[in-house]
Amino acid sequence: MPTMRDVAAQARVSVATVSHVINGTRFVDPQTVDRVRNAIELLGYRPNSLARGLRRNETSIIGMLLPDNSNPFFGEIARAIEDVGFTEGYSVILCNSDGSEAKEAAYVDTLLSKQIDGIILISSGNNFAPLRLILDADVPCVVVDRELGGLPVDQVLIDNEQGGYLAGQYLTRLGHTHIGYIAGPNQLNLSAQRLTGFRRALDEAGVALPDEACVQGDFYYSGGADGMRELLRRDLGLTAIFAANDRMAVGALSVLHRAGLRVPHDVSIIGYDDIPLSSAIWPSLTTIAQPKVDMGQISISLLLERIKRREENLPPRRVLLPVRLVERESCRQHEERKSA
């Protein structure tokens, strides 16, 4: 591959002059600039941006770790992060951990070896080890959507307990008293927070949520389908279901259809996230909307500020974002079925 020295020889200038033209670090006669640019184009020379960044102790590269890039929820967050990063002159490297702590740790090692400027971390679980590696390397980091204790790191979180509460309040307000719940993964604090809020709303309405009306899910379509099949097998006479994310709600809805149950006439169902699919299916899904774009934009804004002001030793910041109920077609007022 052509080098800067080759460009200098072709343009009949010094290597230093080529460097000044590329980096804009000194005034160069316009005719000389034209000769250098023509030489660059002729030779197909590509400046080594990584080497230049390392000399300035920066690379303009940010790492982003996601637990599941097939989940549209994370995709929307990642898109917002990438858009802001590109506008600010940063490239974003996306790493997908597949929910594996080992894979997550390996990616952290890889990113740190690339001398990146910062990391946005959505952890695969309540796993502190990768975050401690990042902090020990003194690399700026923002944790998103996962509450990882009191470690000194910026966090952008969602009020998941309030989200669960809104779901429970909505279903009880519609008159439902036999309600099932498809939970998120046990290893995530947010799963417990959503259930806590949901139980609180049901308790306030005097509605019980027995253990047999709760099944374990995994935030995938298949997990929602499996959970719904199990609830139907238990034959609890449920008239409403709260699934802890939209993908599980869609999986549950498909099982209800195949079982000959109409949504929402026989069973109402509410999800969580407000992914694009939730408004595209029939019936469209009532859900708890998370501010995904805000999550992405705020997280990268915090990270870029910490990168640019890293000498100031800023205190850790914690941003808690609200959720909102989005009413669509998958829920309706409960009416007691008349016996024949």
C-alpha atoms as a PDB file:
ATOM      1  CA  MET A   1       0.000   0.000   0.000  1.00  0.00           C
ATOM      2  CA  PRO A   2       1.230   3.527  -0.737  1.00  0.00           C
ATOM      3  CA  THR A   3       2.752   5.464   2.154  1.00  0.00           C
ATOM      4  CA  MET A   4       2.951   9.140   3.022  1.00  0.00           C
ATOM      5  CA  ARG A   5       6.537   9.060   1.754  1.00  0.00           C
ATOM      6  CA  ASP A   6       5.275   7.843  -1.643  1.00  0.00           C
ATOM      7  CA  VAL A   7       2.796  10.722  -1.756  1.00  0.00           C
ATOM      8  CA  ALA A   8       5.570  13.201  -0.914  1.00  0.00           C
ATOM      9  CA  ALA A   9       7.764  11.854  -3.709  1.00  0.00           C
ATOM     10  CA  GLN A  10       4.920  11.985  -6.235  1.00  0.00           C
ATOM     11  CA  ALA A  11       4.000  15.565  -5.263  1.00  0.00           C
ATOM     12  CA  ARG A  12       7.677  16.636  -4.996  1.00  0.00           C
ATOM     13  CA  VAL A  13       7.261  17.911  -1.429  1.00  0.00           C
ATOM     14  CA  SER A  14       8.438  16.856   2.008  1.00  0.00           C
ATOM     15  CA  VAL A  15       6.678  14.251   4.149  1.00  0.00           C
ATOM     16  CA  ALA A  16       5.999  17.027   6.682  1.00  0.00           C
ATOM     17  CA  THR A  17       4.150  19.042   4.025  1.00  0.00           C
ATOM     18  CA  VAL A  18       1.961  16.036   3.180  1.00  0.00           C
ATOM     19  CA  SER A  19       1.186  15.644   6.892  1.00  0.00           C
ATOM     20  CA  HIS A  20       0.210  19.314   7.210  1.00  0.00           C
ATOM     21  CA  VAL A  21      -2.107  19.040   4.179  1.00  0.00           C
ATOM     22  CA  ILE A  22      -3.819  15.911   5.522  1.00  0.00           C
ATOM     23  CA  ASN A  23      -4.184  17.138   9.095  1.00  0.00           C
ATOM     24  CA  GLY A  24      -4.704  20.851   8.427  1.00  0.00           C
ATOM     25  CA  THR A  25      -2.059  21.696  11.007  1.00  0.00           C
ATOM     26  CA  ARG A  26      -0.337  24.505   9.072  1.00  0.00           C
ATOM     27  CA  PHE A  27      -0.973  26.815   6.146  1.00  0.00           C
ATOM     28  CA  VAL A  28       0.228  25.325   2.861  1.00  0.00           C
ATOM     29  CA  ASP A  29       0.312  27.117  -0.493  1.00  0.00           C
ATOM     30  CA  PRO A  30      -2.905  26.219  -2.416  1.00  0.00           C
ATOM     31  CA  GLN A  31      -0.950  25.018  -5.463  1.00  0.00           C
ATOM     32  CA  THR A  32       1.061  22.695  -3.236  1.00  0.00           C
ATOM     33  CA  VAL A  33      -2.154  21.473  -1.613  1.00  0.00           C
ATOM     34  CA  ASP A  34      -3.506  20.620  -5.071  1.00  0.00           C
ATOM     35  CA  ARG A  35      -0.344  18.662  -5.933  1.00  0.00           C
ATOM     36  CA  VAL A  36      -0.555  16.679  -2.701  1.00  0.00           C
ATOM     37  CA  ARG A  37      -4.251  15.909  -3.166  1.00  0.00           C
ATOM     38  CA  ASN A  38      -3.684  14.844  -6.756  1.00  0.00           C
ATOM     39  CA  ALA A  39      -0.882  12.557  -5.606  1.00  0.00           C
ATOM     40  CA  ILE A  40      -3.121  11.061  -2.909  1.00  0.00           C
ATOM     41  CA  GLU A  41      -5.841  10.366  -5.473  1.00  0.00           C
ATOM     42  CA  LEU A  42      -3.419   8.997  -8.062  1.00  0.00           C
ATOM     43  CA  LEU A  43      -1.745   6.607  -5.622  1.00  0.00           C
ATOM     44  CA  GLY A  44      -4.902   5.687  -3.728  1.00  0.00           C
ATOM     45  CA  TYR A  45      -3.283   6.637  -0.431  1.00  0.00           C
ATOM     46  CA  ARG A  46      -5.423   6.304   2.715  1.00  0.00           C
ATOM     47  CA  PRO A  47      -4.238   8.161   5.828  1.00  0.00           C
ATOM     48  CA  ASN A  48      -3.854   6.024   8.929  1.00  0.00           C
ATOM     49  CA  SER A  49      -6.437   7.684  11.141  1.00  0.00           C
ATOM     50  CA  LEU A  50      -5.745   5.268  14.003  1.00  0.00           C
ATOM     51  CA  ALA A  51      -2.053   6.169  14.108  1.00  0.00           C
ATOM     52  CA  ARG A  52      -2.893   9.880  14.017  1.00  0.00           C
ATOM     53  CA  GLY A  53      -5.385   9.410  16.835  1.00  0.00           C
ATOM     54  CA  LEU A  54      -2.920   7.520  18.987  1.00  0.00           C
ATOM     55  CA  ARG A  55      -0.426  10.373  18.636  1.00  0.00           C
ATOM     56  CA  ARG A  56      -3.156  12.679  19.959  1.00  0.00           C
ATOM     57  CA  ASN A  57      -4.112  10.068  22.587  1.00  0.00           C
ATOM     58  CA  GLU A  58      -7.527   9.581  20.965  1.00  0.00           C
ATOM     59  CA  THR A  59      -9.021   7.468  18.179  1.00  0.00           C
ATOM     60  CA  SER A  60     -12.502   8.959  17.631  1.00  0.00           C
ATOM     61  CA  ILE A  61     -13.865   5.424  18.035  1.00  0.00           C
ATOM     62  CA  ILE A  62     -16.545   4.373  20.535  1.00  0.00           C
ATOM     63  CA  GLY A  63     -17.439   0.807  21.450  1.00  0.00           C
ATOM     64  CA  MET A  64     -21.038  -0.250  22.049  1.00  0.00           C
ATOM     65  CA  LEU A  65     -21.926  -3.589  23.656  1.00  0.00           C
ATOM     66  CA  LEU A  66     -25.451  -4.953  23.241  1.00  0.00           C
ATOM     67  CA  PRO A  67     -26.873  -8.213  24.618  1.00  0.00           C
ATOM     68  CA  ASP A  68     -28.976  -8.961  21.512  1.00  0.00           C
ATOM     69  CA  ASN A  69     -28.768  -6.961  18.306  1.00  0.00           C
ATOM     70  CA  SER A  70     -31.723  -8.896  16.847  1.00  0.00           C
ATOM     71  CA  ASN A  71     -34.003  -7.224  19.392  1.00  0.00           C
ATOM     72  CA  PRO A  72     -35.545  -4.103  17.789  1.00  0.00           C
ATOM     73  CA  PHE A  73     -35.493  -2.388  21.182  1.00  0.00           C
ATOM     74  CA  PHE A  74     -31.688  -2.408  21.231  1.00  0.00           C
ATOM     75  CA  GLY A  75     -31.564  -1.650  17.521  1.00  0.00           C
ATOM     76  CA  GLU A  76     -33.362   1.664  18.025  1.00  0.00           C
ATOM     77  CA  ILE A  77     -31.029   2.628  20.877  1.00  0.00           C
ATOM     78  CA  ALA A  78     -27.984   1.700  18.791  1.00  0.00           C
ATOM     79  CA  ARG A  79     -29.227   3.717  15.821  1.00  0.00           C
ATOM     80  CA  ALA A  80     -29.637   6.841  17.957  1.00  0.00           C
ATOM     81  CA  ILE A  81     -26.131   6.376  19.383  1.00  0.00           C
ATOM     82  CA  GLU A  82     -24.609   5.866  15.956  1.00  0.00           C
ATOM     83  CA  ASP A  83     -26.383   8.909  14.481  1.00  0.00           C
ATOM     84  CA  VAL A  84     -25.111  11.245  17.192  1.00  0.00           C
ATOM     85  CA  GLY A  85     -21.642   9.689  17.080  1.00  0.00           C
ATOM     86  CA  PHE A  86     -21.364  10.165  13.321  1.00  0.00           C
ATOM     87  CA  THR A  87     -22.465  13.799  13.587  1.00  0.00           C
ATOM     88  CA  GLU A  88     -19.808  14.404  16.245  1.00  0.00           C
ATOM     89  CA  GLY A  89     -17.057  12.723  14.196  1.00  0.00           C
ATOM     90  CA  TYR A  90     -16.954   9.376  16.014  1.00  0.00           C
ATOM     91  CA  SER A  91     -17.140   5.883  14.569  1.00  0.00           C
ATOM     92  CA  VAL A  92     -19.130   3.338  16.593  1.00  0.00           C
ATOM     93  CA  ILE A  93     -18.096  -0.324  16.818  1.00  0.00           C
ATOM     94  CA  LEU A  94     -21.071  -2.570  17.633  1.00  0.00           C
ATOM     95  CA  CYS A  95     -20.478  -5.766  19.608  1.00  0.00           C
ATOM     96  CA  ASN A  96     -23.244  -8.309  20.261  1.00  0.00           C
ATOM     97  CA  SER A  97     -22.758 -10.452  23.374  1.00  0.00           C
ATOM     98  CA  ASP A  98     -25.730 -12.794  22.709  1.00  0.00           C
ATOM     99  CA  GLY A  99     -26.437 -12.602  26.433  1.00  0.00           C
ATOM    100  CA  SER A 100     -23.151 -14.402  27.148  1.00  0.00           C
ATOM    101  CA  GLU A 101     -20.972 -13.063  29.945  1.00  0.00           C
ATOM    102  CA  ALA A 102     -17.916 -14.777  28.458  1.00  0.00           C
ATOM    103  CA  LYS A 103     -18.518 -13.216  25.044  1.00  0.00           C
ATOM    104  CA  GLU A 104     -19.140  -9.855  26.673  1.00  0.00           C
ATOM    105  CA  ALA A 105     -15.839 -10.016  28.558  1.00  0.00           C
ATOM    106  CA  ALA A 106     -13.988 -11.017  25.372  1.00  0.00           C
ATOM    107  CA  TYR A 107     -15.420  -8.045  23.505  1.00  0.00           C
ATOM    108  CA  VAL A 108     -14.454  -5.684  26.322  1.00  0.00           C
ATOM    109  CA  ASP A 109     -10.871  -6.958  26.087  1.00  0.00           C
ATOM    110  CA  THR A 110     -10.908  -6.448  22.322  1.00  0.00           C
ATOM    111  CA  LEU A 111     -12.299  -2.918  22.545  1.00  0.00           C
ATOM    112  CA  LEU A 112      -9.809  -1.908  25.225  1.00  0.00           C
ATOM    113  CA  SER A 113      -6.944  -3.234  23.081  1.00  0.00           C
ATOM    114  CA  LYS A 114      -8.091  -0.928  20.254  1.00  0.00           C
ATOM    115  CA  GLN A 115      -7.455   2.151  22.420  1.00  0.00           C
ATOM    116  CA  ILE A 116     -11.040   3.337  21.912  1.00  0.00           C
ATOM    117  CA  ASP A 117     -12.164   6.618  23.446  1.00  0.00           C
ATOM    118  CA  GLY A 118     -15.162   5.264  25.359  1.00  0.00           C
ATOM    119  CA  ILE A 119     -17.693   2.455  25.749  1.00  0.00           C
ATOM    120  CA  ILE A 120     -21.482   2.346  25.991  1.00  0.00           C
ATOM    121  CA  LEU A 121     -22.459  -0.837  27.820  1.00  0.00           C
ATOM    122  CA  ILE A 122     -25.802  -2.629  27.897  1.00  0.00           C
ATOM    123  CA  SER A 123     -24.813  -5.611  29.982  1.00  0.00           C
ATOM    124  CA  SER A 124     -25.979  -9.177  29.373  1.00  0.00           C
ATOM    125  CA  GLY A 125     -27.099  -9.369  32.997  1.00  0.00           C
ATOM    126  CA  ASN A 126     -26.336  -8.085  36.462  1.00  0.00           C
ATOM    127  CA  ASN A 127     -22.676  -8.747  35.696  1.00  0.00           C
ATOM    128  CA  PHE A 128     -20.161  -6.306  37.145  1.00  0.00           C
ATOM    129  CA  ALA A 129     -16.965  -7.920  35.802  1.00  0.00           C
ATOM    130  CA  PRO A 130     -16.852  -6.265  32.323  1.00  0.00           C
ATOM    131  CA  LEU A 131     -17.645  -2.869  33.812  1.00  0.00           C
ATOM    132  CA  ARG A 132     -14.842  -3.234  36.358  1.00  0.00           C
ATOM    133  CA  LEU A 133     -12.430  -4.043  33.499  1.00  0.00           C
ATOM    134  CA  ILE A 134     -13.463  -0.853  31.724  1.00  0.00           C
ATOM    135  CA  LEU A 135     -13.163   1.275  34.860  1.00  0.00           C
ATOM    136  CA  ASP A 136      -9.794  -0.271  35.766  1.00  0.00           C
ATOM    137  CA  ALA A 137      -8.552   0.701  32.282  1.00  0.00           C
ATOM    138  CA  ASP A 138      -9.683   4.283  32.981  1.00  0.00           C
ATOM    139  CA  VAL A 139     -11.847   4.317  29.839  1.00  0.00           C
ATOM    140  CA  PRO A 140     -14.960   6.542  29.944  1.00  0.00           C
ATOM    141  CA  CYS A 141     -18.135   4.446  30.083  1.00  0.00           C
ATOM    142  CA  VAL A 142     -21.899   4.871  30.217  1.00  0.00           C
ATOM    143  CA  VAL A 143     -24.152   2.013  31.346  1.00  0.00           C
ATOM    144  CA  VAL A 144     -27.563   1.902  29.660  1.00  0.00           C
ATOM    145  CA  ASP A 145     -30.750   0.051  30.708  1.00  0.00           C
ATOM    146  CA  ARG A 146     -28.990  -1.980  33.408  1.00  0.00           C
ATOM    147  CA  GLU A 147     -28.677  -0.865  37.008  1.00  0.00           C
ATOM    148  CA  LEU A 148     -25.235  -2.059  38.060  1.00  0.00           C
ATOM    149  CA  GLY A 149     -25.104  -0.961  41.663  1.00  0.00           C
ATOM    150  CA  GLY A 150     -23.071   1.872  43.084  1.00  0.00           C
ATOM    151  CA  LEU A 151     -20.032   1.695  40.821  1.00  0.00           C
ATOM    152  CA  PRO A 152     -18.679   5.125  39.765  1.00  0.00           C
ATOM    153  CA  VAL A 153     -20.106   5.215  36.261  1.00  0.00           C
ATOM    154  CA  ASP A 154     -22.713   7.230  34.356  1.00  0.00           C
ATOM    155  CA  GLN A 155     -26.028   5.383  33.986  1.00  0.00           C
ATOM    156  CA  VAL A 156     -29.064   5.967  31.743  1.00  0.00           C
ATOM    157  CA  LEU A 157     -31.961   3.960  33.130  1.00  0.00           C
ATOM    158  CA  ILE A 158     -35.693   3.470  32.718  1.00  0.00           C
ATOM    159  CA  ASP A 159     -38.280   3.633  35.500  1.00  0.00           C
ATOM    160  CA  ASN A 160     -39.213  -0.030  35.079  1.00  0.00           C
ATOM    161  CA  GLU A 161     -41.198  -0.229  38.288  1.00  0.00           C
ATOM    162  CA  GLN A 162     -43.409   2.599  37.046  1.00  0.00           C
ATOM    163  CA  GLY A 163     -43.803   0.757  33.747  1.00  0.00           C
ATOM    164  CA  GLY A 164     -45.038  -2.387  35.477  1.00  0.00           C
ATOM    165  CA  TYR A 165     -47.347  -0.272  37.591  1.00  0.00           C
ATOM    166  CA  LEU A 166     -48.891   1.399  34.525  1.00  0.00           C
ATOM    167  CA  ALA A 167     -49.541  -2.006  32.942  1.00  0.00           C
ATOM    168  CA  GLY A 168     -51.241  -3.349  36.055  1.00  0.00           C
ATOM    169  CA  GLN A 169     -53.220  -0.177  36.619  1.00  0.00           C
ATOM    170  CA  TYR A 170     -54.482  -0.234  33.036  1.00  0.00           C
ATOM    171  CA  LEU A 171     -55.640  -3.864  33.108  1.00  0.00           C
ATOM    172  CA  THR A 172     -57.401  -3.519  36.465  1.00  0.00           C
ATOM    173  CA  ARG A 173     -59.032  -0.292  35.316  1.00  0.00           C
ATOM    174  CA  LEU A 174     -60.477  -2.304  32.433  1.00  0.00           C
ATOM    175  CA  GLY A 175     -62.066  -4.631  34.984  1.00  0.00           C
ATOM    176  CA  HIS A 176     -59.730  -7.627  34.693  1.00  0.00           C
ATOM    177  CA  THR A 177     -59.304  -9.682  37.850  1.00  0.00           C
ATOM    178  CA  HIS A 178     -57.770 -12.888  36.453  1.00  0.00           C
ATOM    179  CA  ILE A 179     -54.461 -11.729  35.044  1.00  0.00           C
ATOM    180  CA  GLY A 180     -51.363 -13.667  33.992  1.00  0.00           C
ATOM    181  CA  TYR A 181     -47.770 -12.496  33.803  1.00  0.00           C
ATOM    182  CA  ILE A 182     -44.922 -13.619  31.518  1.00  0.00           C
ATOM    183  CA  ALA A 183     -41.738 -12.455  33.238  1.00  0.00           C
ATOM    184  CA  GLY A 184     -38.389 -11.344  31.882  1.00  0.00           C
ATOM    185  CA  PRO A 185     -35.067 -13.111  32.597  1.00  0.00           C
ATOM    186  CA  ASN A 186     -34.278 -13.625  36.278  1.00  0.00           C
ATOM    187  CA  GLN A 187     -30.723 -12.305  35.942  1.00  0.00           C
ATOM    188  CA  LEU A 188     -31.916  -8.775  35.115  1.00  0.00           C
ATOM    189  CA  ASN A 189     -32.886  -6.300  37.818  1.00  0.00           C
ATOM    190  CA  LEU A 190     -35.350  -4.678  35.443  1.00  0.00           C
ATOM    191  CA  SER A 191     -37.409  -7.903  35.352  1.00  0.00           C
ATOM    192  CA  ALA A 192     -37.890  -7.764  39.112  1.00  0.00           C
ATOM    193  CA  GLN A 193     -38.657  -4.037  38.957  1.00  0.00           C
ATOM    194  CA  ARG A 194     -41.403  -4.507  36.359  1.00  0.00           C
ATOM    195  CA  LEU A 195     -42.977  -7.279  38.440  1.00  0.00           C
ATOM    196  CA  THR A 196     -42.786  -5.162  41.604  1.00  0.00           C
ATOM    197  CA  GLY A 197     -44.646  -2.311  39.944  1.00  0.00           C
ATOM    198  CA  PHE A 198     -47.194  -4.681  38.417  1.00  0.00           C
ATOM    199  CA  ARG A 199     -47.938  -6.326  41.779  1.00  0.00           C
ATOM    200  CA  ARG A 200     -48.281  -2.929  43.436  1.00  0.00           C
ATOM    201  CA  ALA A 201     -50.953  -1.854  40.940  1.00  0.00           C
ATOM    202  CA  LEU A 202     -52.855  -5.107  41.350  1.00  0.00           C
ATOM    203  CA  ASP A 203     -52.647  -4.906  45.157  1.00  0.00           C
ATOM    204  CA  GLU A 204     -54.082  -1.385  45.076  1.00  0.00           C
ATOM    205  CA  ALA A 205     -57.000  -2.674  43.005  1.00  0.00           C
ATOM    206  CA  GLY A 206     -57.551  -5.663  45.285  1.00  0.00           C
ATOM    207  CA  VAL A 207     -56.580  -8.137  42.545  1.00  0.00           C
ATOM    208  CA  ALA A 208     -54.466 -11.188  43.375  1.00  0.00           C
ATOM    209  CA  LEU A 209     -51.547 -12.386  41.284  1.00  0.00           C
ATOM    210  CA  PRO A 210     -51.066 -16.007  42.380  1.00  0.00           C
ATOM    211  CA  ASP A 211     -47.781 -17.756  41.675  1.00  0.00           C
ATOM    212  CA  GLU A 212     -49.440 -20.137  39.214  1.00  0.00           C
ATOM    213  CA  ALA A 213     -50.449 -17.127  37.076  1.00  0.00           C
ATOM    214  CA  CYS A 214     -46.778 -16.175  36.599  1.00  0.00           C
ATOM    215  CA  VAL A 215     -44.437 -17.953  34.184  1.00  0.00           C
ATOM    216  CA  GLN A 216     -40.797 -17.391  33.332  1.00  0.00           C
ATOM    217  CA  GLY A 217     -39.878 -15.825  29.998  1.00  0.00           C
ATOM    218  CA  ASP A 218     -36.674 -14.839  28.232  1.00  0.00           C
ATOM    219  CA  PHE A 219     -37.511 -11.703  26.166  1.00  0.00           C
ATOM    220  CA  TYR A 220     -37.699 -13.756  22.931  1.00  0.00           C
ATOM    221  CA  TYR A 221     -40.775 -14.570  20.802  1.00  0.00           C
ATOM    222  CA  SER A 222     -40.400 -18.259  21.627  1.00  0.00           C
ATOM    223  CA  GLY A 223     -40.283 -17.519  25.350  1.00  0.00           C
ATOM    224  CA  GLY A 224     -43.570 -15.650  25.146  1.00  0.00           C
ATOM    225  CA  ALA A 225     -45.143 -18.460  23.141  1.00  0.00           C
ATOM    226  CA  ASP A 226     -43.919 -21.120  25.585  1.00  0.00           C
ATOM    227  CA  GLY A 227     -45.124 -19.077  28.544  1.00  0.00           C
ATOM    228  CA  MET A 228     -48.562 -18.593  27.025  1.00  0.00           C
ATOM    229  CA  ARG A 229     -48.906 -22.304  26.259  1.00  0.00           C
ATOM    230  CA  GLU A 230     -48.050 -23.074  29.886  1.00  0.00           C
ATOM    231  CA  LEU A 231     -50.627 -20.595  31.193  1.00  0.00           C
ATOM    232  CA  LEU A 232     -53.287 -22.108  28.927  1.00  0.00           C
ATOM    233  CA  ARG A 233     -52.325 -25.592  30.124  1.00  0.00           C
ATOM    234  CA  ARG A 234     -52.912 -24.477  33.723  1.00  0.00           C
ATOM    235  CA  ASP A 235     -56.465 -23.456  32.748  1.00  0.00           C
ATOM    236  CA  LEU A 236     -56.703 -20.492  35.142  1.00  0.00           C
ATOM    237  CA  GLY A 237     -59.483 -18.655  33.325  1.00  0.00           C
ATOM    238  CA  LEU A 238     -57.224 -15.677  32.601  1.00  0.00           C
ATOM    239  CA  THR A 239     -58.777 -12.721  30.803  1.00  0.00           C
ATOM    240  CA  ALA A 240     -55.623 -10.604  30.515  1.00  0.00           C
ATOM    241  CA  ILE A 241     -51.876 -11.098  30.101  1.00  0.00           C
ATOM    242  CA  PHE A 242     -48.957  -8.770  30.794  1.00  0.00           C
ATOM    243  CA  ALA A 243     -45.804  -9.804  28.946  1.00  0.00           C
ATOM    244  CA  ALA A 244     -42.622  -8.110  30.155  1.00  0.00           C
ATOM    245  CA  ASN A 245     -41.565  -7.170  26.622  1.00  0.00           C
ATOM    246  CA  ASP A 246     -43.209  -6.823  23.213  1.00  0.00           C
ATOM    247  CA  ARG A 247     -41.469  -9.774  21.599  1.00  0.00           C
ATOM    248  CA  MET A 248     -42.886 -12.117  24.235  1.00  0.00           C
ATOM    249  CA  ALA A 249     -46.288 -10.444  23.901  1.00  0.00           C
ATOM    250  CA  VAL A 250     -46.276 -11.146  20.143  1.00  0.00           C
ATOM    251  CA  GLY A 251     -45.306 -14.774  20.809  1.00  0.00           C
ATOM    252  CA  ALA A 252     -48.132 -15.081  23.347  1.00  0.00           C
ATOM    253  CA  LEU A 253     -50.609 -13.478  20.951  1.00  0.00           C
ATOM    254  CA  SER A 254     -49.801 -16.008  18.231  1.00  0.00           C
ATOM    255  CA  VAL A 255     -50.456 -18.899  20.639  1.00  0.00           C
ATOM    256  CA  LEU A 256     -53.791 -17.397  21.687  1.00  0.00           C
ATOM    257  CA  HIS A 257     -54.838 -17.124  18.036  1.00  0.00           C
ATOM    258  CA  ARG A 258     -53.882 -20.753  17.371  1.00  0.00           C
ATOM    259  CA  ALA A 259     -55.839 -21.823  20.446  1.00  0.00           C
ATOM    260  CA  GLY A 260     -58.956 -20.202  19.000  1.00  0.00           C
ATOM    261  CA  LEU A 261     -58.998 -17.347  21.517  1.00  0.00           C
ATOM    262  CA  ARG A 262     -59.701 -13.867  20.231  1.00  0.00           C
ATOM    263  CA  VAL A 263     -57.576 -10.910  21.265  1.00  0.00           C
ATOM    264  CA  PRO A 264     -58.876  -8.758  22.862  1.00  0.00           C
ATOM    265  CA  HIS A 265     -62.427 -10.209  23.019  1.00  0.00           C
ATOM    266  CA  ASP A 266     -61.441 -13.309  24.978  1.00  0.00           C
ATOM    267  CA  VAL A 267     -58.028 -12.284  26.316  1.00  0.00           C
ATOM    268  CA  SER A 268     -56.457  -8.823  26.530  1.00  0.00           C
ATOM    269  CA  ILE A 269     -52.679  -8.574  26.231  1.00  0.00           C
ATOM    270  CA  ILE A 270     -50.222  -5.770  26.963  1.00  0.00           C
ATOM    271  CA  GLY A 271     -46.505  -5.669  26.208  1.00  0.00           C
ATOM    272  CA  TYR A 272     -43.514  -3.515  27.081  1.00  0.00           C
ATOM    273  CA  ASP A 273     -41.031  -1.564  24.871  1.00  0.00           C
ATOM    274  CA  ASP A 274     -43.140  -0.271  21.940  1.00  0.00           C
ATOM    275  CA  ILE A 275     -40.981  -1.765  19.215  1.00  0.00           C
ATOM    276  CA  PRO A 276     -42.089  -1.000  15.610  1.00  0.00           C
ATOM    277  CA  LEU A 277     -43.726  -4.432  15.237  1.00  0.00           C
ATOM    278  CA  SER A 278     -46.180  -3.655  18.034  1.00  0.00           C
ATOM    279  CA  SER A 279     -48.080  -1.187  15.864  1.00  0.00           C
ATOM    280  CA  ALA A 280     -47.826  -3.299  12.692  1.00  0.00           C
ATOM    281  CA  ILE A 281     -49.424  -6.564  13.860  1.00  0.00           C
ATOM    282  CA  TRP A 282     -53.145  -7.260  14.191  1.00  0.00           C
ATOM    283  CA  PRO A 283     -54.530  -6.497  16.612  1.00  0.00           C
ATOM    284  CA  SER A 284     -51.985  -3.778  17.266  1.00  0.00           C
ATOM    285  CA  LEU A 285     -50.348  -4.159  20.638  1.00  0.00           C
ATOM    286  CA  THR A 286     -51.065  -2.022  23.662  1.00  0.00           C
ATOM    287  CA  THR A 287     -47.711  -1.538  25.366  1.00  0.00           C
ATOM    288  CA  ILE A 288     -45.530   0.448  27.729  1.00  0.00           C
ATOM    289  CA  ALA A 289     -43.315   2.666  25.579  1.00  0.00           C
ATOM    290  CA  GLN A 290     -39.691   3.226  26.523  1.00  0.00           C
ATOM    291  CA  PRO A 291     -37.971   6.380  25.192  1.00  0.00           C
ATOM    292  CA  LYS A 292     -35.431   4.446  23.139  1.00  0.00           C
ATOM    293  CA  VAL A 293     -34.154   7.345  21.047  1.00  0.00           C
ATOM    294  CA  ASP A 294     -33.743   9.480  24.171  1.00  0.00           C
ATOM    295  CA  MET A 295     -31.834   6.637  25.829  1.00  0.00           C
ATOM    296  CA  GLY A 296     -29.384   6.488  22.949  1.00  0.00           C
ATOM    297  CA  GLN A 297     -28.949  10.213  22.515  1.00  0.00           C
ATOM    298  CA  ILE A 298     -28.517  10.912  26.230  1.00  0.00           C
ATOM    299  CA  SER A 299     -26.070   8.041  26.732  1.00  0.00           C
ATOM    300  CA  ILE A 300     -23.718   9.123  23.948  1.00  0.00           C
ATOM    301  CA  SER A 301     -24.012  12.782  24.975  1.00  0.00           C
ATOM    302  CA  LEU A 302     -22.904  11.848  28.490  1.00  0.00           C
ATOM    303  CA  LEU A 303     -20.067   9.738  27.086  1.00  0.00           C
ATOM    304  CA  LEU A 304     -18.792  12.433  24.736  1.00  0.00           C
ATOM    305  CA  GLU A 305     -18.887  14.991  27.524  1.00  0.00           C
ATOM    306  CA  ARG A 306     -16.888  12.660  29.759  1.00  0.00           C
ATOM    307  CA  ILE A 307     -14.363  12.019  26.955  1.00  0.00           C
ATOM    308  CA  LYS A 308     -13.871  15.716  26.289  1.00  0.00           C
ATOM    309  CA  ARG A 309     -13.711  16.622  29.993  1.00  0.00           C
ATOM    310  CA  ARG A 310     -11.950  13.531  31.316  1.00  0.00           C
ATOM    311  CA  GLU A 311      -9.314  15.612  33.103  1.00  0.00           C
ATOM    312  CA  GLU A 312     -12.031  17.222  35.246  1.00  0.00           C
ATOM    313  CA  ASN A 313     -12.971  14.004  37.071  1.00  0.00           C
ATOM    314  CA  LEU A 314     -16.729  14.544  36.727  1.00  0.00           C
ATOM    315  CA  PRO A 315     -18.911  12.821  39.357  1.00  0.00           C
ATOM    316  CA  PRO A 316     -21.036   9.844  38.206  1.00  0.00           C
ATOM    317  CA  ARG A 317     -24.420  10.835  36.802  1.00  0.00           C
ATOM    318  CA  ARG A 318     -27.656   8.827  36.912  1.00  0.00           C
ATOM    319  CA  VAL A 319     -30.480   9.633  34.499  1.00  0.00           C
ATOM    320  CA  LEU A 320     -33.869   7.956  35.126  1.00  0.00           C
ATOM    321  CA  LEU A 321     -36.244   8.259  32.172  1.00  0.00           C
ATOM    322  CA  PRO A 322     -40.045   7.876  32.391  1.00  0.00           C
ATOM    323  CA  VAL A 323     -42.231   5.489  30.401  1.00  0.00           C
ATOM    324  CA  ARG A 324     -45.745   5.918  29.042  1.00  0.00           C
ATOM    325  CA  LEU A 325     -48.746   3.774  28.201  1.00  0.00           C
ATOM    326  CA  VAL A 326     -49.610   3.410  24.500  1.00  0.00           C
ATOM    327  CA  GLU A 327     -53.197   2.208  24.022  1.00  0.00           C
ATOM    328  CA  ARG A 328     -53.904   0.202  20.884  1.00  0.00           C
ATOM    329  CA  GLU A 329     -56.238  -2.678  19.996  1.00  0.00           C
ATOM    330  CA  SER A 330     -55.053  -5.655  22.057  1.00  0.00           C
ATOM    331  CA  CYS A 331     -56.890  -4.713  25.269  1.00  0.00           C
ATOM    332  CA  ARG A 332     -60.545  -4.054  25.994  1.00  0.00           C
ATOM    333  CA  GLN A 333     -62.968  -3.636  28.877  1.00  0.00           C
ATOM    334  CA  HIS A 334     -63.628  -6.978  30.532  1.00  0.00           C
ATOM    335  CA  GLU A 335     -67.171  -8.260  30.386  1.00  0.00           C
ATOM    336  CA  GLU A 336     -68.280 -11.283  32.377  1.00  0.00           C
ATOM    337  CA  ARG A 337     -69.123 -14.139  30.027  1.00  0.00           C
ATOM    338  CA  LYS A 338     -72.709 -15.212  30.286  1.00  0.00           C
ATOM    339  CA  SER A 339     -73.286 -18.883  30.872  1.00  0.00           C
ATOM    340  CA  ALA A 340     -75.460 -20.741  28.373  1.00  0.00           C
END
